[in-house]
Amino acid sequence: MYTLFWEKGSGSIAVQAMLEEMGVSYDRSYVDMEAGEHQKDRYLRKNPTGLVPALKLPDLHIIGESAAIVLHLGEQCSDAQLVPRSDDNERPDFLYWLLFMATTGYTTFGRLGHPERYTQDRTALEAVRLAAEDDVTRFFDVLEGGIKGEPYFLSSGFTALDIYLTMLAGWHPDRSALFQRNPKIAALCTAVESRAAYKKVIADHAE
């Protein structure tokens, strides 16, 4: 049994979608970040970074960072083929794009949604936010150019990359504009959002 420590609209979307696609048993433990639960000792003893998501594995080990969790899950359940095997010729591309999404995507959306975390100058908040808007556009432009499959990211078909990208696109403040500018991303997200696993996760987060 896995336990997912989650919050609505967070990177736990990708992790839960992975668990659903794998068909494994899991339960969820909500972390109310608005109430500061992620900074309390009870949670910090589980995940010292204080970030969400985190996942307790069946052996009771707890790991954090959404990309690390996604990669670990995919390797533990290779039958689902959500993560290319180490000898797969698409493995390097998979790792490259997953880490690009996790590092560049996360921080860019962080600046867009919470500019106060990136400057101590209160008068600079709007400038930080506007710069993040431009960076979000460039970020998705790069991903649009990196898509090799149809409709999925890799030519081999559906993988965790598609889950992760769909989650990030869901954070965009204007999805209509995003999809109009990036038709490959639009097709990819439409395909992922039609899957039963992703539908369930989004419904859970909407409750």
N, C-alpha and C. Protein backbone atom coordinates (compact mmCIF):
# COMPACT_ATOMS: atom_id res chain seq x y z
N MET A 1 0.84 -1.20 0.00
CA MET A 1 0.00 0.00 0.00
C MET A 1 0.87 1.25 0.00
N TYR A 2 0.60 2.15 -0.92
CA TYR A 2 1.26 3.45 -0.96
C TYR A 2 0.39 4.47 -0.24
N THR A 3 1.02 5.50 0.32
CA THR A 3 0.29 6.63 0.88
C THR A 3 0.80 7.90 0.23
N LEU A 4 -0.11 8.64 -0.40
CA LEU A 4 0.25 9.88 -1.08
C LEU A 4 -0.12 11.06 -0.20
N PHE A 5 0.88 11.87 0.13
CA PHE A 5 0.66 13.13 0.84
C PHE A 5 0.46 14.20 -0.22
N TRP A 6 -0.71 14.81 -0.21
CA TRP A 6 -1.11 15.63 -1.35
C TRP A 6 -1.80 16.91 -0.92
N GLU A 7 -1.92 17.81 -1.89
CA GLU A 7 -2.73 19.01 -1.76
C GLU A 7 -3.39 19.28 -3.10
N LYS A 8 -4.55 19.87 -3.08
CA LYS A 8 -5.28 20.15 -4.32
C LYS A 8 -4.45 20.99 -5.27
N GLY A 9 -4.45 20.59 -6.54
CA GLY A 9 -3.81 21.36 -7.58
C GLY A 9 -2.30 21.32 -7.58
N SER A 10 -1.71 20.50 -6.75
CA SER A 10 -0.25 20.46 -6.62
C SER A 10 0.34 19.41 -7.56
N GLY A 11 1.65 19.22 -7.45
CA GLY A 11 2.33 18.20 -8.23
C GLY A 11 1.89 16.79 -7.89
N SER A 12 1.08 16.64 -6.87
CA SER A 12 0.54 15.32 -6.54
C SER A 12 -0.41 14.81 -7.62
N ILE A 13 -0.87 15.70 -8.50
CA ILE A 13 -1.71 15.26 -9.63
C ILE A 13 -0.98 14.21 -10.45
N ALA A 14 0.27 14.49 -10.81
CA ALA A 14 1.03 13.56 -11.64
C ALA A 14 1.29 12.25 -10.91
N VAL A 15 1.61 12.34 -9.63
CA VAL A 15 1.90 11.13 -8.86
C VAL A 15 0.65 10.27 -8.74
N GLN A 16 -0.48 10.86 -8.41
CA GLN A 16 -1.71 10.09 -8.28
C GLN A 16 -2.12 9.47 -9.62
N ALA A 17 -1.93 10.22 -10.70
CA ALA A 17 -2.25 9.67 -12.02
C ALA A 17 -1.37 8.46 -12.34
N MET A 18 -0.12 8.52 -11.93
CA MET A 18 0.76 7.36 -12.10
C MET A 18 0.23 6.16 -11.33
N LEU A 19 -0.14 6.38 -10.08
CA LEU A 19 -0.67 5.29 -9.26
C LEU A 19 -1.93 4.69 -9.87
N GLU A 20 -2.78 5.55 -10.40
CA GLU A 20 -4.00 5.07 -11.04
C GLU A 20 -3.69 4.27 -12.30
N GLU A 21 -2.77 4.77 -13.11
CA GLU A 21 -2.41 4.05 -14.34
C GLU A 21 -1.77 2.70 -14.02
N MET A 22 -1.04 2.63 -12.92
CA MET A 22 -0.39 1.39 -12.52
C MET A 22 -1.37 0.39 -11.92
N GLY A 23 -2.51 0.87 -11.43
CA GLY A 23 -3.50 -0.01 -10.85
C GLY A 23 -3.10 -0.57 -9.50
N VAL A 24 -2.29 0.19 -8.74
CA VAL A 24 -1.85 -0.28 -7.42
C VAL A 24 -2.73 0.33 -6.33
N SER A 25 -2.70 -0.30 -5.16
CA SER A 25 -3.47 0.20 -4.03
C SER A 25 -2.75 1.37 -3.37
N TYR A 26 -3.50 2.42 -3.04
CA TYR A 26 -2.92 3.56 -2.34
C TYR A 26 -4.02 4.28 -1.57
N ASP A 27 -3.59 5.02 -0.57
CA ASP A 27 -4.51 5.95 0.06
C ASP A 27 -3.88 7.33 0.07
N ARG A 28 -4.66 8.32 0.46
CA ARG A 28 -4.20 9.71 0.39
C ARG A 28 -4.30 10.37 1.76
N SER A 29 -3.33 11.22 2.04
CA SER A 29 -3.33 12.00 3.28
C SER A 29 -3.17 13.47 2.90
N TYR A 30 -4.22 14.27 3.17
CA TYR A 30 -4.21 15.66 2.73
C TYR A 30 -3.30 16.52 3.60
N VAL A 31 -2.52 17.37 2.95
CA VAL A 31 -1.64 18.32 3.64
C VAL A 31 -2.15 19.72 3.32
N ASP A 32 -2.68 20.39 4.31
CA ASP A 32 -3.26 21.73 4.12
C ASP A 32 -2.13 22.76 4.20
N MET A 33 -1.57 23.11 3.04
CA MET A 33 -0.45 24.04 3.01
C MET A 33 -0.89 25.45 3.38
N GLU A 34 -2.11 25.81 3.07
CA GLU A 34 -2.61 27.14 3.42
C GLU A 34 -2.63 27.32 4.94
N ALA A 35 -2.90 26.22 5.64
CA ALA A 35 -2.91 26.26 7.09
C ALA A 35 -1.52 26.02 7.69
N GLY A 36 -0.53 25.82 6.81
CA GLY A 36 0.85 25.65 7.28
C GLY A 36 1.19 24.26 7.76
N GLU A 37 0.36 23.27 7.42
CA GLU A 37 0.64 21.92 7.89
C GLU A 37 1.95 21.36 7.35
N HIS A 38 2.36 21.84 6.17
CA HIS A 38 3.59 21.32 5.57
C HIS A 38 4.84 21.77 6.33
N GLN A 39 4.71 22.77 7.20
CA GLN A 39 5.85 23.25 7.97
C GLN A 39 5.80 22.82 9.43
N LYS A 40 4.86 21.97 9.77
CA LYS A 40 4.76 21.48 11.13
C LYS A 40 5.59 20.21 11.29
N ASP A 41 6.02 19.96 12.51
CA ASP A 41 6.92 18.84 12.77
C ASP A 41 6.34 17.52 12.30
N ARG A 42 5.05 17.37 12.43
CA ARG A 42 4.42 16.10 12.05
C ARG A 42 4.71 15.76 10.60
N TYR A 43 4.63 16.76 9.72
CA TYR A 43 4.90 16.50 8.30
C TYR A 43 6.39 16.54 8.01
N LEU A 44 7.11 17.44 8.64
CA LEU A 44 8.55 17.55 8.38
C LEU A 44 9.30 16.28 8.77
N ARG A 45 8.78 15.54 9.74
CA ARG A 45 9.41 14.27 10.08
C ARG A 45 9.25 13.26 8.93
N LYS A 46 8.22 13.44 8.15
CA LYS A 46 8.01 12.58 6.99
C LYS A 46 8.81 13.07 5.79
N ASN A 47 8.75 14.38 5.56
CA ASN A 47 9.41 14.98 4.39
C ASN A 47 10.10 16.27 4.84
N PRO A 48 11.39 16.22 5.12
CA PRO A 48 12.08 17.36 5.71
C PRO A 48 12.12 18.61 4.85
N THR A 49 11.85 18.49 3.54
CA THR A 49 11.81 19.69 2.70
C THR A 49 10.53 20.48 2.92
N GLY A 50 9.51 19.85 3.48
CA GLY A 50 8.24 20.52 3.69
C GLY A 50 7.44 20.73 2.41
N LEU A 51 7.78 19.99 1.38
CA LEU A 51 7.10 20.17 0.10
C LEU A 51 6.07 19.06 -0.12
N VAL A 52 5.14 19.33 -1.01
CA VAL A 52 4.11 18.38 -1.43
C VAL A 52 4.22 18.23 -2.94
N PRO A 53 4.17 17.00 -3.46
CA PRO A 53 3.78 15.76 -2.80
C PRO A 53 4.94 15.02 -2.15
N ALA A 54 4.56 14.02 -1.37
CA ALA A 54 5.48 13.01 -0.89
C ALA A 54 4.75 11.69 -0.96
N LEU A 55 5.51 10.61 -1.03
CA LEU A 55 4.89 9.30 -1.17
C LEU A 55 5.55 8.30 -0.23
N LYS A 56 4.72 7.67 0.60
CA LYS A 56 5.21 6.58 1.44
C LYS A 56 5.10 5.29 0.65
N LEU A 57 6.21 4.60 0.52
CA LEU A 57 6.28 3.38 -0.26
C LEU A 57 5.82 2.20 0.58
N PRO A 58 5.56 1.07 -0.05
CA PRO A 58 5.12 -0.11 0.72
C PRO A 58 6.10 -0.54 1.80
N ASP A 59 7.39 -0.23 1.63
CA ASP A 59 8.37 -0.58 2.67
C ASP A 59 8.48 0.50 3.74
N LEU A 60 7.55 1.49 3.69
CA LEU A 60 7.44 2.60 4.64
C LEU A 60 8.46 3.71 4.40
N HIS A 61 9.33 3.56 3.42
CA HIS A 61 10.25 4.65 3.05
C HIS A 61 9.44 5.77 2.41
N ILE A 62 9.79 7.03 2.70
CA ILE A 62 9.07 8.18 2.15
C ILE A 62 10.01 8.99 1.25
N ILE A 63 9.55 9.27 0.05
CA ILE A 63 10.32 10.10 -0.87
C ILE A 63 9.48 11.29 -1.31
N GLY A 64 10.16 12.36 -1.69
CA GLY A 64 9.50 13.56 -2.19
C GLY A 64 9.97 13.89 -3.58
N GLU A 65 9.60 15.08 -4.06
CA GLU A 65 9.89 15.58 -5.41
C GLU A 65 9.12 14.78 -6.45
N SER A 66 8.21 15.45 -7.11
CA SER A 66 7.29 14.77 -8.02
C SER A 66 8.00 13.99 -9.12
N ALA A 67 9.04 14.56 -9.70
CA ALA A 67 9.74 13.86 -10.78
C ALA A 67 10.43 12.61 -10.27
N ALA A 68 11.02 12.68 -9.08
CA ALA A 68 11.67 11.51 -8.49
C ALA A 68 10.65 10.42 -8.20
N ILE A 69 9.49 10.81 -7.71
CA ILE A 69 8.44 9.84 -7.41
C ILE A 69 7.94 9.19 -8.69
N VAL A 70 7.69 10.01 -9.71
CA VAL A 70 7.21 9.50 -10.99
C VAL A 70 8.21 8.50 -11.57
N LEU A 71 9.47 8.85 -11.53
CA LEU A 71 10.51 7.98 -12.08
C LEU A 71 10.57 6.66 -11.29
N HIS A 72 10.54 6.76 -9.97
CA HIS A 72 10.61 5.56 -9.14
C HIS A 72 9.41 4.65 -9.39
N LEU A 73 8.21 5.23 -9.42
CA LEU A 73 7.02 4.42 -9.65
C LEU A 73 7.08 3.71 -10.99
N GLY A 74 7.48 4.45 -12.01
CA GLY A 74 7.55 3.86 -13.35
C GLY A 74 8.52 2.69 -13.43
N GLU A 75 9.61 2.79 -12.68
CA GLU A 75 10.60 1.72 -12.68
C GLU A 75 10.15 0.53 -11.83
N GLN A 76 9.32 0.79 -10.81
CA GLN A 76 8.82 -0.30 -9.98
C GLN A 76 7.71 -1.09 -10.68
N CYS A 77 7.04 -0.45 -11.62
CA CYS A 77 5.94 -1.10 -12.33
C CYS A 77 6.20 -0.99 -13.82
N SER A 78 7.22 -1.68 -14.28
CA SER A 78 7.63 -1.55 -15.68
C SER A 78 6.58 -2.10 -16.64
N ASP A 79 5.69 -2.97 -16.15
CA ASP A 79 4.66 -3.52 -17.03
C ASP A 79 3.75 -2.43 -17.59
N ALA A 80 3.58 -1.35 -16.83
CA ALA A 80 2.74 -0.26 -17.30
C ALA A 80 3.41 0.56 -18.39
N GLN A 81 4.72 0.41 -18.55
CA GLN A 81 5.49 1.09 -19.60
C GLN A 81 5.35 2.61 -19.55
N LEU A 82 5.25 3.15 -18.35
CA LEU A 82 5.12 4.59 -18.19
C LEU A 82 6.48 5.29 -18.19
N VAL A 83 7.53 4.53 -17.91
CA VAL A 83 8.90 5.05 -17.93
C VAL A 83 9.74 4.09 -18.78
N PRO A 84 10.43 4.59 -19.81
CA PRO A 84 11.26 3.70 -20.62
C PRO A 84 12.33 2.99 -19.79
N ARG A 85 12.59 1.74 -20.11
CA ARG A 85 13.61 0.98 -19.41
C ARG A 85 14.99 1.57 -19.68
N SER A 86 15.96 1.16 -18.87
CA SER A 86 17.31 1.71 -18.97
C SER A 86 17.96 1.45 -20.31
N ASP A 87 17.55 0.36 -21.00
CA ASP A 87 18.15 0.03 -22.30
C ASP A 87 17.30 0.51 -23.48
N ASP A 88 16.24 1.26 -23.18
CA ASP A 88 15.37 1.78 -24.24
C ASP A 88 16.03 3.00 -24.86
N ASN A 89 16.00 3.09 -26.19
CA ASN A 89 16.68 4.21 -26.85
C ASN A 89 15.98 5.55 -26.61
N GLU A 90 14.75 5.52 -26.06
CA GLU A 90 14.06 6.77 -25.72
C GLU A 90 14.30 7.19 -24.27
N ARG A 91 15.01 6.35 -23.52
CA ARG A 91 15.26 6.66 -22.11
C ARG A 91 15.96 8.01 -21.93
N PRO A 92 17.04 8.33 -22.67
CA PRO A 92 17.70 9.63 -22.47
C PRO A 92 16.76 10.81 -22.72
N ASP A 93 15.96 10.72 -23.78
CA ASP A 93 15.01 11.81 -24.06
C ASP A 93 13.97 11.93 -22.95
N PHE A 94 13.51 10.78 -22.46
CA PHE A 94 12.53 10.80 -21.38
C PHE A 94 13.08 11.53 -20.16
N LEU A 95 14.29 11.18 -19.75
CA LEU A 95 14.88 11.81 -18.57
C LEU A 95 15.11 13.31 -18.80
N TYR A 96 15.59 13.64 -19.98
CA TYR A 96 15.85 15.03 -20.32
C TYR A 96 14.59 15.89 -20.18
N TRP A 97 13.50 15.43 -20.79
CA TRP A 97 12.28 16.24 -20.80
C TRP A 97 11.56 16.20 -19.45
N LEU A 98 11.62 15.07 -18.75
CA LEU A 98 11.00 15.02 -17.43
C LEU A 98 11.66 16.01 -16.48
N LEU A 99 12.98 16.04 -16.48
CA LEU A 99 13.68 16.95 -15.57
C LEU A 99 13.53 18.40 -16.02
N PHE A 100 13.46 18.64 -17.31
CA PHE A 100 13.19 20.00 -17.79
C PHE A 100 11.83 20.48 -17.29
N MET A 101 10.83 19.63 -17.41
CA MET A 101 9.50 20.00 -16.93
C MET A 101 9.50 20.26 -15.43
N ALA A 102 10.18 19.38 -14.68
CA ALA A 102 10.16 19.48 -13.23
C ALA A 102 10.94 20.67 -12.71
N THR A 103 12.08 20.94 -13.30
CA THR A 103 12.92 22.03 -12.78
C THR A 103 12.50 23.38 -13.34
N THR A 104 12.44 23.48 -14.64
CA THR A 104 12.09 24.77 -15.25
C THR A 104 10.60 25.07 -15.09
N GLY A 105 9.75 24.07 -15.33
CA GLY A 105 8.32 24.30 -15.25
C GLY A 105 7.85 24.69 -13.86
N TYR A 106 8.27 23.93 -12.88
CA TYR A 106 7.84 24.21 -11.50
C TYR A 106 8.25 25.60 -11.05
N THR A 107 9.52 25.96 -11.25
CA THR A 107 9.99 27.25 -10.76
C THR A 107 9.34 28.40 -11.52
N THR A 108 9.09 28.20 -12.80
CA THR A 108 8.46 29.26 -13.59
C THR A 108 7.03 29.51 -13.11
N PHE A 109 6.28 28.45 -12.89
CA PHE A 109 4.92 28.63 -12.37
C PHE A 109 4.95 29.17 -10.94
N GLY A 110 5.99 28.83 -10.19
CA GLY A 110 6.13 29.40 -8.86
C GLY A 110 6.27 30.91 -8.91
N ARG A 111 7.08 31.40 -9.82
CA ARG A 111 7.25 32.85 -9.97
C ARG A 111 5.97 33.51 -10.46
N LEU A 112 5.23 32.80 -11.30
CA LEU A 112 4.00 33.36 -11.84
C LEU A 112 2.91 33.47 -10.77
N GLY A 113 2.76 32.41 -9.99
CA GLY A 113 1.69 32.38 -9.00
C GLY A 113 2.05 33.01 -7.67
N HIS A 114 3.34 33.01 -7.35
CA HIS A 114 3.78 33.54 -6.05
C HIS A 114 5.04 34.39 -6.21
N PRO A 115 4.93 35.53 -6.88
CA PRO A 115 6.12 36.37 -7.10
C PRO A 115 6.73 36.87 -5.80
N GLU A 116 5.96 36.92 -4.73
CA GLU A 116 6.47 37.41 -3.45
C GLU A 116 7.55 36.49 -2.88
N ARG A 117 7.61 35.26 -3.37
CA ARG A 117 8.62 34.33 -2.89
C ARG A 117 9.97 34.54 -3.57
N TYR A 118 10.00 35.38 -4.59
CA TYR A 118 11.21 35.52 -5.41
C TYR A 118 11.83 36.91 -5.33
N THR A 119 11.32 37.76 -4.47
CA THR A 119 11.93 39.07 -4.26
C THR A 119 11.51 39.61 -2.90
N GLN A 120 12.41 40.36 -2.32
CA GLN A 120 12.08 41.04 -1.05
C GLN A 120 11.61 42.47 -1.29
N ASP A 121 11.62 42.88 -2.55
CA ASP A 121 11.18 44.22 -2.94
C ASP A 121 9.71 44.16 -3.31
N ARG A 122 8.85 44.67 -2.46
CA ARG A 122 7.41 44.62 -2.70
C ARG A 122 7.01 45.36 -3.96
N THR A 123 7.83 46.35 -4.36
CA THR A 123 7.49 47.11 -5.56
C THR A 123 7.85 46.34 -6.83
N ALA A 124 8.56 45.22 -6.70
CA ALA A 124 9.02 44.46 -7.87
C ALA A 124 8.12 43.27 -8.19
N LEU A 125 7.05 43.08 -7.43
CA LEU A 125 6.22 41.89 -7.60
C LEU A 125 5.64 41.78 -9.02
N GLU A 126 5.14 42.89 -9.53
CA GLU A 126 4.54 42.85 -10.87
C GLU A 126 5.59 42.57 -11.93
N ALA A 127 6.78 43.12 -11.76
CA ALA A 127 7.85 42.86 -12.72
C ALA A 127 8.24 41.38 -12.72
N VAL A 128 8.30 40.77 -11.54
CA VAL A 128 8.61 39.35 -11.44
C VAL A 128 7.52 38.52 -12.12
N ARG A 129 6.27 38.90 -11.89
CA ARG A 129 5.16 38.16 -12.47
C ARG A 129 5.15 38.28 -13.99
N LEU A 130 5.38 39.48 -14.51
CA LEU A 130 5.39 39.67 -15.97
C LEU A 130 6.52 38.90 -16.63
N ALA A 131 7.68 38.88 -15.98
CA ALA A 131 8.80 38.10 -16.52
C ALA A 131 8.45 36.62 -16.54
N ALA A 132 7.75 36.16 -15.50
CA ALA A 132 7.35 34.76 -15.44
C ALA A 132 6.35 34.43 -16.55
N GLU A 133 5.48 35.36 -16.87
CA GLU A 133 4.52 35.14 -17.97
C GLU A 133 5.26 34.86 -19.27
N ASP A 134 6.29 35.67 -19.55
CA ASP A 134 7.08 35.46 -20.77
C ASP A 134 7.80 34.12 -20.72
N ASP A 135 8.30 33.75 -19.54
CA ASP A 135 9.04 32.50 -19.41
C ASP A 135 8.11 31.29 -19.56
N VAL A 136 6.88 31.41 -19.08
CA VAL A 136 5.90 30.33 -19.26
C VAL A 136 5.63 30.11 -20.75
N THR A 137 5.48 31.19 -21.49
CA THR A 137 5.25 31.08 -22.94
C THR A 137 6.41 30.38 -23.61
N ARG A 138 7.64 30.80 -23.28
CA ARG A 138 8.82 30.16 -23.88
C ARG A 138 8.93 28.70 -23.47
N PHE A 139 8.61 28.41 -22.22
CA PHE A 139 8.68 27.04 -21.71
C PHE A 139 7.80 26.11 -22.54
N PHE A 140 6.56 26.50 -22.77
CA PHE A 140 5.67 25.64 -23.55
C PHE A 140 6.04 25.63 -25.03
N ASP A 141 6.60 26.71 -25.54
CA ASP A 141 7.09 26.70 -26.92
C ASP A 141 8.18 25.65 -27.10
N VAL A 142 9.07 25.55 -26.12
CA VAL A 142 10.14 24.56 -26.18
C VAL A 142 9.55 23.14 -26.15
N LEU A 143 8.58 22.92 -25.26
CA LEU A 143 7.95 21.60 -25.17
C LEU A 143 7.22 21.26 -26.47
N GLU A 144 6.56 22.23 -27.06
CA GLU A 144 5.87 22.00 -28.33
C GLU A 144 6.86 21.48 -29.38
N GLY A 145 8.03 22.07 -29.41
CA GLY A 145 9.04 21.64 -30.37
C GLY A 145 9.65 20.29 -30.04
N GLY A 146 9.55 19.88 -28.77
CA GLY A 146 10.16 18.62 -28.37
C GLY A 146 9.27 17.41 -28.57
N ILE A 147 7.98 17.61 -28.81
CA ILE A 147 7.05 16.49 -28.97
C ILE A 147 7.34 15.75 -30.27
N LYS A 148 7.56 14.44 -30.15
CA LYS A 148 7.89 13.62 -31.32
C LYS A 148 6.76 12.69 -31.74
N GLY A 149 5.88 12.36 -30.80
CA GLY A 149 4.81 11.43 -31.10
C GLY A 149 3.54 12.13 -31.54
N GLU A 150 2.50 11.32 -31.73
CA GLU A 150 1.20 11.86 -32.12
C GLU A 150 0.10 10.96 -31.55
N PRO A 151 -0.60 11.37 -30.49
CA PRO A 151 -0.55 12.70 -29.90
C PRO A 151 0.44 12.83 -28.74
N TYR A 152 1.11 11.73 -28.37
CA TYR A 152 1.91 11.75 -27.15
C TYR A 152 3.32 12.27 -27.39
N PHE A 153 4.04 12.51 -26.29
CA PHE A 153 5.33 13.19 -26.38
C PHE A 153 6.38 12.35 -27.10
N LEU A 154 6.50 11.10 -26.72
CA LEU A 154 7.48 10.21 -27.35
C LEU A 154 6.83 9.43 -28.49
N SER A 155 7.62 9.09 -29.47
CA SER A 155 7.07 8.38 -30.63
C SER A 155 6.56 6.99 -30.26
N SER A 156 7.04 6.43 -29.15
CA SER A 156 6.63 5.09 -28.74
C SER A 156 5.23 5.07 -28.14
N GLY A 157 4.71 6.22 -27.73
CA GLY A 157 3.37 6.26 -27.18
C GLY A 157 3.30 6.87 -25.79
N PHE A 158 2.23 6.57 -25.08
CA PHE A 158 1.91 7.18 -23.79
C PHE A 158 2.95 6.84 -22.73
N THR A 159 3.45 7.88 -22.02
CA THR A 159 4.37 7.70 -20.90
C THR A 159 4.06 8.73 -19.82
N ALA A 160 4.85 8.68 -18.76
CA ALA A 160 4.70 9.64 -17.67
C ALA A 160 4.94 11.08 -18.12
N LEU A 161 5.68 11.27 -19.20
CA LEU A 161 5.89 12.63 -19.72
C LEU A 161 4.55 13.29 -20.06
N ASP A 162 3.65 12.51 -20.61
CA ASP A 162 2.36 13.05 -21.01
C ASP A 162 1.53 13.44 -19.80
N ILE A 163 1.60 12.63 -18.76
CA ILE A 163 0.92 12.97 -17.50
C ILE A 163 1.47 14.28 -16.94
N TYR A 164 2.79 14.37 -16.89
CA TYR A 164 3.44 15.53 -16.28
C TYR A 164 3.14 16.80 -17.07
N LEU A 165 3.22 16.72 -18.38
CA LEU A 165 2.96 17.89 -19.21
C LEU A 165 1.50 18.33 -19.09
N THR A 166 0.59 17.40 -19.04
CA THR A 166 -0.82 17.74 -18.90
C THR A 166 -1.08 18.44 -17.58
N MET A 167 -0.43 17.97 -16.53
CA MET A 167 -0.56 18.64 -15.23
C MET A 167 -0.08 20.09 -15.32
N LEU A 168 1.08 20.30 -15.91
CA LEU A 168 1.63 21.65 -16.03
C LEU A 168 0.73 22.54 -16.87
N ALA A 169 0.21 22.01 -17.96
CA ALA A 169 -0.69 22.80 -18.80
C ALA A 169 -1.95 23.19 -18.03
N GLY A 170 -2.36 22.35 -17.11
CA GLY A 170 -3.52 22.66 -16.29
C GLY A 170 -3.30 23.84 -15.36
N TRP A 171 -2.06 24.18 -15.10
CA TRP A 171 -1.74 25.33 -14.25
C TRP A 171 -1.70 26.63 -15.04
N HIS A 172 -1.75 26.55 -16.35
CA HIS A 172 -1.65 27.76 -17.18
C HIS A 172 -2.87 28.64 -16.95
N PRO A 173 -2.68 29.95 -16.80
CA PRO A 173 -3.82 30.84 -16.52
C PRO A 173 -4.76 31.03 -17.71
N ASP A 174 -4.32 30.69 -18.93
CA ASP A 174 -5.17 30.84 -20.11
C ASP A 174 -4.93 29.64 -21.02
N ARG A 175 -5.61 28.55 -20.73
CA ARG A 175 -5.38 27.32 -21.50
C ARG A 175 -5.81 27.47 -22.95
N SER A 176 -6.83 28.25 -23.21
CA SER A 176 -7.26 28.43 -24.60
C SER A 176 -6.16 29.05 -25.43
N ALA A 177 -5.51 30.07 -24.89
CA ALA A 177 -4.40 30.70 -25.61
C ALA A 177 -3.23 29.75 -25.73
N LEU A 178 -2.95 29.00 -24.67
CA LEU A 178 -1.86 28.02 -24.70
C LEU A 178 -2.09 27.01 -25.82
N PHE A 179 -3.29 26.48 -25.91
CA PHE A 179 -3.58 25.45 -26.91
C PHE A 179 -3.62 26.01 -28.32
N GLN A 180 -4.07 27.23 -28.46
CA GLN A 180 -4.10 27.84 -29.79
C GLN A 180 -2.68 28.04 -30.31
N ARG A 181 -1.76 28.40 -29.42
CA ARG A 181 -0.38 28.65 -29.81
C ARG A 181 0.38 27.34 -30.01
N ASN A 182 -0.04 26.29 -29.28
CA ASN A 182 0.71 25.03 -29.28
C ASN A 182 -0.23 23.86 -29.57
N PRO A 183 -0.51 23.59 -30.84
CA PRO A 183 -1.49 22.55 -31.19
C PRO A 183 -1.07 21.14 -30.78
N LYS A 184 0.22 20.86 -30.75
CA LYS A 184 0.66 19.53 -30.33
C LYS A 184 0.38 19.32 -28.85
N ILE A 185 0.63 20.34 -28.05
CA ILE A 185 0.33 20.26 -26.62
C ILE A 185 -1.18 20.11 -26.42
N ALA A 186 -1.96 20.82 -27.22
CA ALA A 186 -3.42 20.72 -27.11
C ALA A 186 -3.88 19.29 -27.37
N ALA A 187 -3.34 18.66 -28.42
CA ALA A 187 -3.73 17.29 -28.75
C ALA A 187 -3.28 16.31 -27.66
N LEU A 188 -2.09 16.52 -27.14
CA LEU A 188 -1.56 15.65 -26.09
C LEU A 188 -2.43 15.74 -24.84
N CYS A 189 -2.73 16.95 -24.40
CA CYS A 189 -3.53 17.12 -23.19
C CYS A 189 -4.93 16.56 -23.36
N THR A 190 -5.52 16.75 -24.53
CA THR A 190 -6.85 16.21 -24.79
C THR A 190 -6.84 14.69 -24.66
N ALA A 191 -5.79 14.06 -25.18
CA ALA A 191 -5.69 12.60 -25.11
C ALA A 191 -5.52 12.13 -23.67
N VAL A 192 -4.67 12.80 -22.90
CA VAL A 192 -4.44 12.39 -21.51
C VAL A 192 -5.69 12.62 -20.68
N GLU A 193 -6.34 13.76 -20.86
CA GLU A 193 -7.51 14.10 -20.06
C GLU A 193 -8.71 13.20 -20.37
N SER A 194 -8.64 12.45 -21.46
CA SER A 194 -9.72 11.52 -21.78
C SER A 194 -9.50 10.15 -21.14
N ARG A 195 -8.33 9.94 -20.56
CA ARG A 195 -8.03 8.66 -19.92
C ARG A 195 -8.75 8.56 -18.56
N ALA A 196 -9.22 7.38 -18.24
CA ALA A 196 -9.99 7.19 -17.00
C ALA A 196 -9.17 7.57 -15.77
N ALA A 197 -7.89 7.23 -15.77
CA ALA A 197 -7.04 7.51 -14.60
C ALA A 197 -6.95 9.00 -14.35
N TYR A 198 -6.71 9.78 -15.40
CA TYR A 198 -6.55 11.22 -15.22
C TYR A 198 -7.88 11.86 -14.84
N LYS A 199 -8.97 11.38 -15.42
CA LYS A 199 -10.28 11.92 -15.06
C LYS A 199 -10.55 11.74 -13.57
N LYS A 200 -10.22 10.57 -13.04
CA LYS A 200 -10.45 10.32 -11.62
C LYS A 200 -9.64 11.26 -10.75
N VAL A 201 -8.37 11.46 -11.13
CA VAL A 201 -7.51 12.34 -10.34
C VAL A 201 -8.04 13.76 -10.32
N ILE A 202 -8.41 14.28 -11.47
CA ILE A 202 -8.93 15.65 -11.53
C ILE A 202 -10.22 15.78 -10.74
N ALA A 203 -11.05 14.75 -10.78
CA ALA A 203 -12.29 14.77 -9.99
C ALA A 203 -11.97 14.79 -8.51
N ASP A 204 -10.96 14.03 -8.09
CA ASP A 204 -10.56 14.02 -6.68
C ASP A 204 -10.06 15.40 -6.24
N HIS A 205 -9.32 16.06 -7.11
CA HIS A 205 -8.77 17.37 -6.76
C HIS A 205 -9.82 18.47 -6.81
N ALA A 206 -10.92 18.22 -7.48
CA ALA A 206 -11.99 19.21 -7.58
C ALA A 206 -12.96 19.14 -6.42
N GLU A 207 -12.88 18.07 -5.63
CA GLU A 207 -13.83 17.90 -4.53
C GLU A 207 -13.66 19.01 -3.49
